[in-house]
């Protein structure tokens, strides 16, 4: 039996058309997919006949649910940290290529988009949400951290909505994604075939998307913006959780939300939570390039730590959902340990073209 390619490339009209083609794995991004996409994007950037790139996904459940975490887990468990880091090095370079792409780059997202899938979509010039759209950066739940440029794009969401996403891993649907800038347009799923064909023509991309775009009402995160901005403005995770606890017993209209959010955060890796909040504060004032380099420093430490492997074991492999984090509590995670994750590497820093 011949296996289908993991990623498909096609020239259709004026467009270079990319299809993520692992629907059985929720289009999780593999190392060969990263390499193939980077090569093809570089080729199309120089091709005057290609005036825009469109990225879509096979299947109806997910655009991409992230990177191929199981492979990275196995590499790390086997002591092959250099091989695992080679994936992240090339993935972050691809994210940067997309961010700097000289032609319109349109991601058509109808389904789940998380982690590595966010990295191949959000940095493009145009991001279109369908009716099934769901966005999340849930990495703190597996002992990892929001990467693929999240250090840059999450702090640039309105108010503290990015910090909320980083520290809770909660999912946003299309309305909130549109309001926070995660996506640029919304188009009903029933119109996607027509949308794709129109984008493959010669009409300017902005004109096509404006014609198909349909506005949405207020999403739940947007409705709670005032509470989120107040509760997630603190610079220490312990203070933030304490503030949520206080709000939960205040009797205010945000009490239920605060209590549920505090409980959710307590299920995450304490180390990951502190890394994620430090990322949000660093990224607010940093350049995109500096954010990507910083993420490679962090992953170079995380891949040699404990929580990532324990989180993947508990949530993906054994599925007992009972991770044993080390350290177990926020109070036991020192500022020195977090600072170490952000410190320059002795060698092998991420070099971006």
Protein backbone atom coordinates (compact mmCIF):
# COMPACT_ATOMS: atom_id res chain seq x y z
CA UNK A 1 0.00 0.00 0.00
CA UNK A 2 1.36 3.44 -0.94
CA UNK A 3 1.12 5.99 1.82
CA UNK A 4 -0.32 9.39 0.88
CA UNK A 5 2.11 12.32 1.14
CA UNK A 6 1.91 14.21 4.45
CA UNK A 7 1.76 17.56 2.66
CA UNK A 8 0.57 18.35 -0.86
CA UNK A 9 1.60 21.19 -3.17
CA UNK A 10 -0.25 22.38 -6.25
CA UNK A 11 -0.17 25.30 -8.62
CA UNK A 12 -3.73 26.46 -9.22
CA UNK A 13 -4.16 29.65 -11.20
CA UNK A 14 -2.16 32.43 -9.56
CA UNK A 15 -1.86 30.53 -6.27
CA UNK A 16 0.49 28.08 -4.71
CA UNK A 17 -1.86 25.73 -2.87
CA UNK A 18 -0.64 23.80 0.20
CA UNK A 19 -2.68 21.02 1.82
CA UNK A 20 -1.72 19.54 5.19
CA UNK A 21 -2.56 15.90 4.56
CA UNK A 22 -2.53 13.91 7.80
CA UNK A 23 -6.23 14.01 8.74
CA UNK A 24 -5.94 10.75 10.70
CA UNK A 25 -3.39 12.50 12.96
CA UNK A 26 -5.31 15.80 13.04
CA UNK A 27 -2.70 17.11 10.58
CA UNK A 28 0.01 17.20 13.24
CA UNK A 29 3.13 18.80 11.77
CA UNK A 30 6.11 16.48 11.26
CA UNK A 31 9.74 17.30 10.57
CA UNK A 32 9.48 16.27 6.87
CA UNK A 33 6.42 18.54 6.52
CA UNK A 34 8.38 21.47 7.96
CA UNK A 35 11.23 20.89 5.53
CA UNK A 36 8.97 20.41 2.52
CA UNK A 37 6.94 23.54 3.24
CA UNK A 38 10.05 25.68 3.78
CA UNK A 39 11.54 24.47 0.48
CA UNK A 40 8.34 25.09 -1.48
CA UNK A 41 7.76 28.54 0.02
CA UNK A 42 11.28 29.57 -0.93
CA UNK A 43 10.65 28.36 -4.48
CA UNK A 44 7.30 30.14 -4.81
CA UNK A 45 8.71 33.37 -3.38
CA UNK A 46 10.92 33.59 -6.49
CA UNK A 47 8.22 32.49 -8.98
CA UNK A 48 6.50 35.54 -10.54
CA UNK A 49 3.59 33.35 -11.67
CA UNK A 50 2.69 32.65 -8.03
CA UNK A 51 1.15 35.81 -6.57
CA UNK A 52 -0.21 34.29 -3.33
CA UNK A 53 0.06 31.15 -1.19
CA UNK A 54 -2.98 29.37 0.27
CA UNK A 55 -2.61 26.85 3.11
CA UNK A 56 -5.48 24.52 3.94
CA UNK A 57 -5.93 21.10 5.56
CA UNK A 58 -7.48 17.75 4.73
CA UNK A 59 -10.39 16.51 6.81
CA UNK A 60 -12.99 18.42 8.80
CA UNK A 61 -11.76 18.07 12.40
CA UNK A 62 -8.51 20.01 12.40
CA UNK A 63 -6.37 22.42 10.46
CA UNK A 64 -3.52 21.13 12.63
CA UNK A 65 -3.62 20.07 16.26
CA UNK A 66 0.07 20.85 16.76
CA UNK A 67 3.48 19.29 16.25
CA UNK A 68 4.13 15.57 16.24
CA UNK A 69 4.64 15.49 20.01
CA UNK A 70 4.96 11.69 20.30
CA UNK A 71 8.00 11.65 18.02
CA UNK A 72 9.65 14.45 20.00
CA UNK A 73 8.84 12.64 23.25
CA UNK A 74 10.47 9.45 21.99
CA UNK A 75 13.57 11.32 20.82
CA UNK A 76 13.99 13.04 24.17
CA UNK A 77 13.35 9.90 26.19
CA UNK A 78 15.97 8.19 24.07
CA UNK A 79 18.50 10.89 24.88
CA UNK A 80 18.44 12.21 21.32
CA UNK A 81 18.02 15.83 22.38
CA UNK A 82 20.02 17.16 19.42
CA UNK A 83 17.66 15.42 17.00
CA UNK A 84 14.61 16.85 18.75
CA UNK A 85 16.13 20.33 18.80
CA UNK A 86 16.83 20.05 15.09
CA UNK A 87 13.05 19.86 14.54
CA UNK A 88 12.39 22.95 16.66
CA UNK A 89 15.26 24.85 15.03
CA UNK A 90 13.81 24.22 11.57
CA UNK A 91 10.22 24.80 12.71
CA UNK A 92 11.07 28.20 14.22
CA UNK A 93 12.98 29.11 11.05
CA UNK A 94 9.87 28.20 9.03
CA UNK A 95 7.69 30.34 11.32
CA UNK A 96 10.04 33.24 10.61
CA UNK A 97 9.95 32.60 6.86
CA UNK A 98 6.15 32.78 6.96
CA UNK A 99 6.22 35.95 9.05
CA UNK A 100 8.52 37.64 6.51
CA UNK A 101 6.92 36.14 3.40
CA UNK A 102 6.91 38.65 0.53
CA UNK A 103 3.56 37.54 -0.92
CA UNK A 104 0.08 37.17 0.58
CA UNK A 105 -0.04 34.00 2.68
CA UNK A 106 -3.61 32.90 3.39
CA UNK A 107 -4.36 30.22 6.00
CA UNK A 108 -7.82 28.67 5.69
CA UNK A 109 -8.60 27.31 9.16
CA UNK A 110 -11.76 25.29 9.68
CA UNK A 111 -11.33 23.12 12.76
CA UNK A 112 -8.80 22.86 15.56
CA UNK A 113 -5.58 24.86 15.32
CA UNK A 114 -3.07 24.49 18.13
CA UNK A 115 0.67 24.62 18.73
CA UNK A 116 2.63 23.84 15.60
CA UNK A 117 -0.50 24.35 13.49
CA UNK A 118 -0.67 27.90 14.79
CA UNK A 119 2.94 28.36 13.71
CA UNK A 120 2.17 27.61 10.06
CA UNK A 121 -0.91 29.84 10.00
CA UNK A 122 -0.90 32.83 12.35
CA UNK A 123 2.26 34.42 10.96
CA UNK A 124 0.72 34.67 7.50
CA UNK A 125 -0.75 37.91 6.21
CA UNK A 126 -4.33 36.56 6.21
CA UNK A 127 -6.00 34.02 8.50
CA UNK A 128 -9.55 32.91 7.72
CA UNK A 129 -11.75 31.12 10.26
CA UNK A 130 -14.54 28.77 9.30
CA UNK A 131 -17.51 27.73 11.41
CA UNK A 132 -15.60 24.88 13.11
CA UNK A 133 -12.62 27.05 14.05
CA UNK A 134 -11.04 26.49 17.49
CA UNK A 135 -7.71 28.03 18.54
CA UNK A 136 -5.60 27.16 21.58
CA UNK A 137 -2.04 27.23 22.85
CA UNK A 138 -2.40 24.44 25.47
CA UNK A 139 1.29 23.73 26.05
CA UNK A 140 1.40 24.47 29.80
CA UNK A 141 -0.87 21.43 30.24
CA UNK A 142 1.85 19.08 28.94
CA UNK A 143 4.79 20.68 30.74
CA UNK A 144 5.87 22.65 27.68
CA UNK A 145 5.45 26.36 26.85
CA UNK A 146 3.66 28.42 24.17
CA UNK A 147 6.14 28.48 21.29
CA UNK A 148 6.12 28.88 17.46
CA UNK A 149 6.19 32.64 17.96
CA UNK A 150 3.63 32.83 20.78
CA UNK A 151 6.09 34.98 22.72
CA UNK A 152 5.46 37.60 20.04
CA UNK A 153 1.81 37.19 19.02
CA UNK A 154 0.10 36.45 22.34
CA UNK A 155 1.25 39.70 24.06
CA UNK A 156 -0.07 41.62 21.04
CA UNK A 157 -3.61 40.42 21.58
CA UNK A 158 -5.82 43.08 23.25
CA UNK A 159 -5.31 43.68 26.96
CA UNK A 160 -4.38 40.51 28.85
CA UNK A 161 -6.21 38.09 26.54
CA UNK A 162 -2.91 36.64 25.33
CA UNK A 163 -1.69 35.98 28.87
CA UNK A 164 -5.04 34.33 29.59
CA UNK A 165 -4.61 32.03 26.58
CA UNK A 166 -1.01 31.21 27.52
CA UNK A 167 -1.74 30.37 31.17
CA UNK A 168 -5.00 28.47 30.74
CA UNK A 169 -4.73 26.83 27.32
CA UNK A 170 -8.43 27.56 26.83
CA UNK A 171 -9.89 27.39 23.34
CA UNK A 172 -11.18 30.39 21.41
CA UNK A 173 -13.83 30.06 18.76
CA UNK A 174 -14.10 32.25 15.69
CA UNK A 175 -15.79 35.28 17.28
CA UNK A 176 -13.11 35.75 19.93
CA UNK A 177 -10.34 34.92 17.47
CA UNK A 178 -11.59 37.65 15.17
CA UNK A 179 -11.90 40.18 18.00
CA UNK A 180 -8.37 39.45 19.28
CA UNK A 181 -6.63 39.39 15.90
CA UNK A 182 -5.86 35.68 15.83
CA UNK A 183 -7.76 35.60 12.56
CA UNK A 184 -8.38 38.40 10.07
CA UNK A 185 -11.60 37.13 8.48
CA UNK A 186 -14.53 34.77 9.00
CA UNK A 187 -16.19 32.91 6.14
CA UNK A 188 -18.97 30.34 6.52
CA UNK A 189 -17.69 26.81 5.92
CA UNK A 190 -20.31 26.23 3.24
CA UNK A 191 -18.63 28.90 1.09
CA UNK A 192 -15.06 27.61 1.32
CA UNK A 193 -14.97 25.87 -2.03
CA UNK A 194 -16.01 29.11 -3.74
CA UNK A 195 -13.60 31.09 -1.57
CA UNK A 196 -10.66 28.87 -2.53
CA UNK A 197 -11.43 29.16 -6.22
CA UNK A 198 -11.74 32.94 -5.97
CA UNK A 199 -8.42 33.18 -4.14
CA UNK A 200 -6.73 31.19 -6.90
CA UNK A 201 -7.69 33.87 -9.43
CA UNK A 202 -6.03 37.19 -10.10
CA UNK A 203 -8.35 39.41 -8.03
CA UNK A 204 -6.39 40.98 -5.15
CA UNK A 205 -6.53 38.87 -2.00
CA UNK A 206 -7.91 41.67 0.17
CA UNK A 207 -10.77 42.26 -2.25
CA UNK A 208 -11.69 38.56 -2.34
CA UNK A 209 -11.65 38.19 1.42
CA UNK A 210 -13.63 41.39 1.95
CA UNK A 211 -16.32 40.08 -0.38
CA UNK A 212 -16.61 36.75 1.47
CA UNK A 213 -16.11 38.00 5.05
CA UNK A 214 -19.04 37.71 7.48
CA UNK A 215 -18.89 39.60 10.82
CA UNK A 216 -19.57 37.82 14.10
CA UNK A 217 -21.03 38.83 17.44
CA UNK A 218 -19.22 38.94 20.78
CA UNK A 219 -17.51 35.79 21.99
CA UNK A 220 -17.28 34.76 25.67
CA UNK A 221 -13.71 36.02 26.13
CA UNK A 222 -14.59 39.40 24.68
CA UNK A 223 -17.56 39.63 27.04
CA UNK A 224 -15.21 38.93 29.98
CA UNK A 225 -12.44 41.29 28.83
CA UNK A 226 -12.69 43.62 31.82
CA UNK A 227 -12.23 40.78 34.31
CA UNK A 228 -9.48 39.10 32.26
CA UNK A 229 -7.53 42.35 31.93
CA UNK A 230 -7.70 42.99 35.66
CA UNK A 231 -6.96 39.45 36.83
CA UNK A 232 -4.12 38.67 34.42
CA UNK A 233 -2.20 41.96 34.74
CA UNK A 234 -0.02 40.74 37.62
CA UNK A 235 3.59 39.75 36.97
CA UNK A 236 3.85 36.76 39.31
CA UNK A 237 1.82 33.60 38.80
CA UNK A 238 1.33 33.09 42.56
CA UNK A 239 -0.18 36.58 42.85
CA UNK A 240 -2.33 35.97 39.80
CA UNK A 241 -3.77 32.73 41.19
CA UNK A 242 -4.35 34.37 44.57
CA UNK A 243 -6.20 37.19 42.84
CA UNK A 244 -8.38 34.64 41.05
CA UNK A 245 -9.09 32.94 44.39
CA UNK A 246 -10.11 36.25 45.96
CA UNK A 247 -12.39 37.02 43.04
CA UNK A 248 -13.92 33.55 43.26
CA UNK A 249 -15.24 34.25 46.78
CA UNK A 250 -16.15 37.88 46.15
CA UNK A 251 -19.69 37.23 45.02
CA UNK A 252 -19.12 39.30 41.88
CA UNK A 253 -20.43 38.34 38.47
CA UNK A 254 -16.90 37.16 37.64
CA UNK A 255 -16.65 34.86 40.65
CA UNK A 256 -17.57 31.66 38.83
CA UNK A 257 -15.20 32.40 35.98
CA UNK A 258 -12.36 33.21 38.38
CA UNK A 259 -12.84 30.05 40.41
CA UNK A 260 -12.91 27.82 37.35
CA UNK A 261 -9.85 29.56 35.91
CA UNK A 262 -7.86 29.16 39.13
CA UNK A 263 -8.72 25.45 39.26
CA UNK A 264 -7.71 25.04 35.63
CA UNK A 265 -4.36 26.72 36.17
CA UNK A 266 -3.62 24.53 39.17
CA UNK A 267 -3.74 21.49 36.89
CA UNK A 268 -0.89 22.85 34.74
CA UNK A 269 2.85 22.49 35.19
CA UNK A 270 3.99 25.11 37.72
CA UNK A 271 7.28 25.56 35.86
CA UNK A 272 5.48 25.97 32.54
CA UNK A 273 3.12 28.56 34.00
CA UNK A 274 6.02 30.67 35.23
CA UNK A 275 7.86 30.36 31.92
CA UNK A 276 4.72 31.32 30.00
CA UNK A 277 4.03 34.45 32.05
CA UNK A 278 7.68 35.51 31.75
CA UNK A 279 7.34 35.05 27.97
CA UNK A 280 4.31 37.31 27.88
CA UNK A 281 6.13 40.09 29.67
CA UNK A 282 9.34 39.69 27.64
CA UNK A 283 7.55 39.47 24.30
CA UNK A 284 5.51 42.62 24.78
CA UNK A 285 8.55 44.79 24.04
CA UNK A 286 10.73 42.40 22.03
CA UNK A 287 11.13 42.07 18.27
CA UNK A 288 9.82 39.02 16.45
CA UNK A 289 13.38 37.79 15.85
CA UNK A 290 14.31 38.15 19.52
CA UNK A 291 11.16 36.27 20.51
CA UNK A 292 12.01 33.34 18.24
CA UNK A 293 15.58 33.20 19.50
CA UNK A 294 14.34 33.27 23.08
CA UNK A 295 11.94 30.40 22.42
CA UNK A 296 14.81 28.29 21.14
CA UNK A 297 16.73 29.00 24.33
CA UNK A 298 13.72 27.90 26.37
CA UNK A 299 13.08 24.72 24.41
CA UNK A 300 16.76 23.82 24.65
CA UNK A 301 16.31 23.70 28.45
CA UNK A 302 12.80 22.20 28.52
CA UNK A 303 13.81 19.26 26.34
CA UNK A 304 16.36 18.28 28.99
CA UNK A 305 13.93 18.71 31.89
CA UNK A 306 11.22 16.60 33.49
CA UNK A 307 7.77 18.14 33.05
CA UNK A 308 7.47 17.90 29.24
CA UNK A 309 7.93 14.14 29.29
CA UNK A 310 5.70 13.70 32.31
CA UNK A 311 2.97 15.83 30.74
CA UNK A 312 3.05 13.92 27.45
CA UNK A 313 2.99 10.63 29.35
CA UNK A 314 -0.02 11.64 31.45
CA UNK A 315 -2.12 13.27 28.75
CA UNK A 316 -1.12 11.55 25.50
CA UNK A 317 0.49 8.18 26.21
CA UNK A 318 -0.96 6.68 29.41
CA UNK A 319 -3.88 9.14 29.39
CA UNK A 320 -4.30 8.89 33.15
CA UNK A 321 -4.46 12.71 33.29
CA UNK A 322 -2.51 12.62 36.57
CA UNK A 323 0.81 14.31 35.81
CA UNK A 324 3.34 14.42 38.62
CA UNK A 325 5.01 17.76 38.07
CA UNK A 326 8.48 18.49 39.40
CA UNK A 327 8.50 20.86 41.28
CA UNK A 328 4.92 20.23 42.37
CA UNK A 329 3.95 23.76 43.42
CA UNK A 330 4.44 27.30 42.17
CA UNK A 331 6.18 28.22 45.43
CA UNK A 332 8.85 25.60 44.74
CA UNK A 333 9.75 27.00 41.31
CA UNK A 334 12.53 29.52 41.86
CA UNK A 335 13.06 32.72 39.93
CA UNK A 336 16.61 31.51 39.29
CA UNK A 337 15.33 28.39 37.55
CA UNK A 338 13.03 30.41 35.31
CA UNK A 339 15.80 32.86 34.48
CA UNK A 340 18.00 29.92 33.46
CA UNK A 341 15.49 28.99 30.74
CA UNK A 342 15.85 32.47 29.21
CA UNK A 343 19.64 32.75 29.50
CA UNK A 344 21.94 32.63 26.43
CA UNK A 345 23.04 29.17 25.31
CA UNK A 346 26.64 28.13 25.62
CA UNK A 347 26.49 27.19 21.93
CA UNK A 348 23.95 26.59 19.17
CA UNK A 349 21.81 29.73 19.39
CA UNK A 350 19.04 29.99 16.80
CA UNK A 351 20.38 31.85 13.78
CA UNK A 352 17.67 33.23 11.51
CA UNK A 353 18.32 34.17 7.88
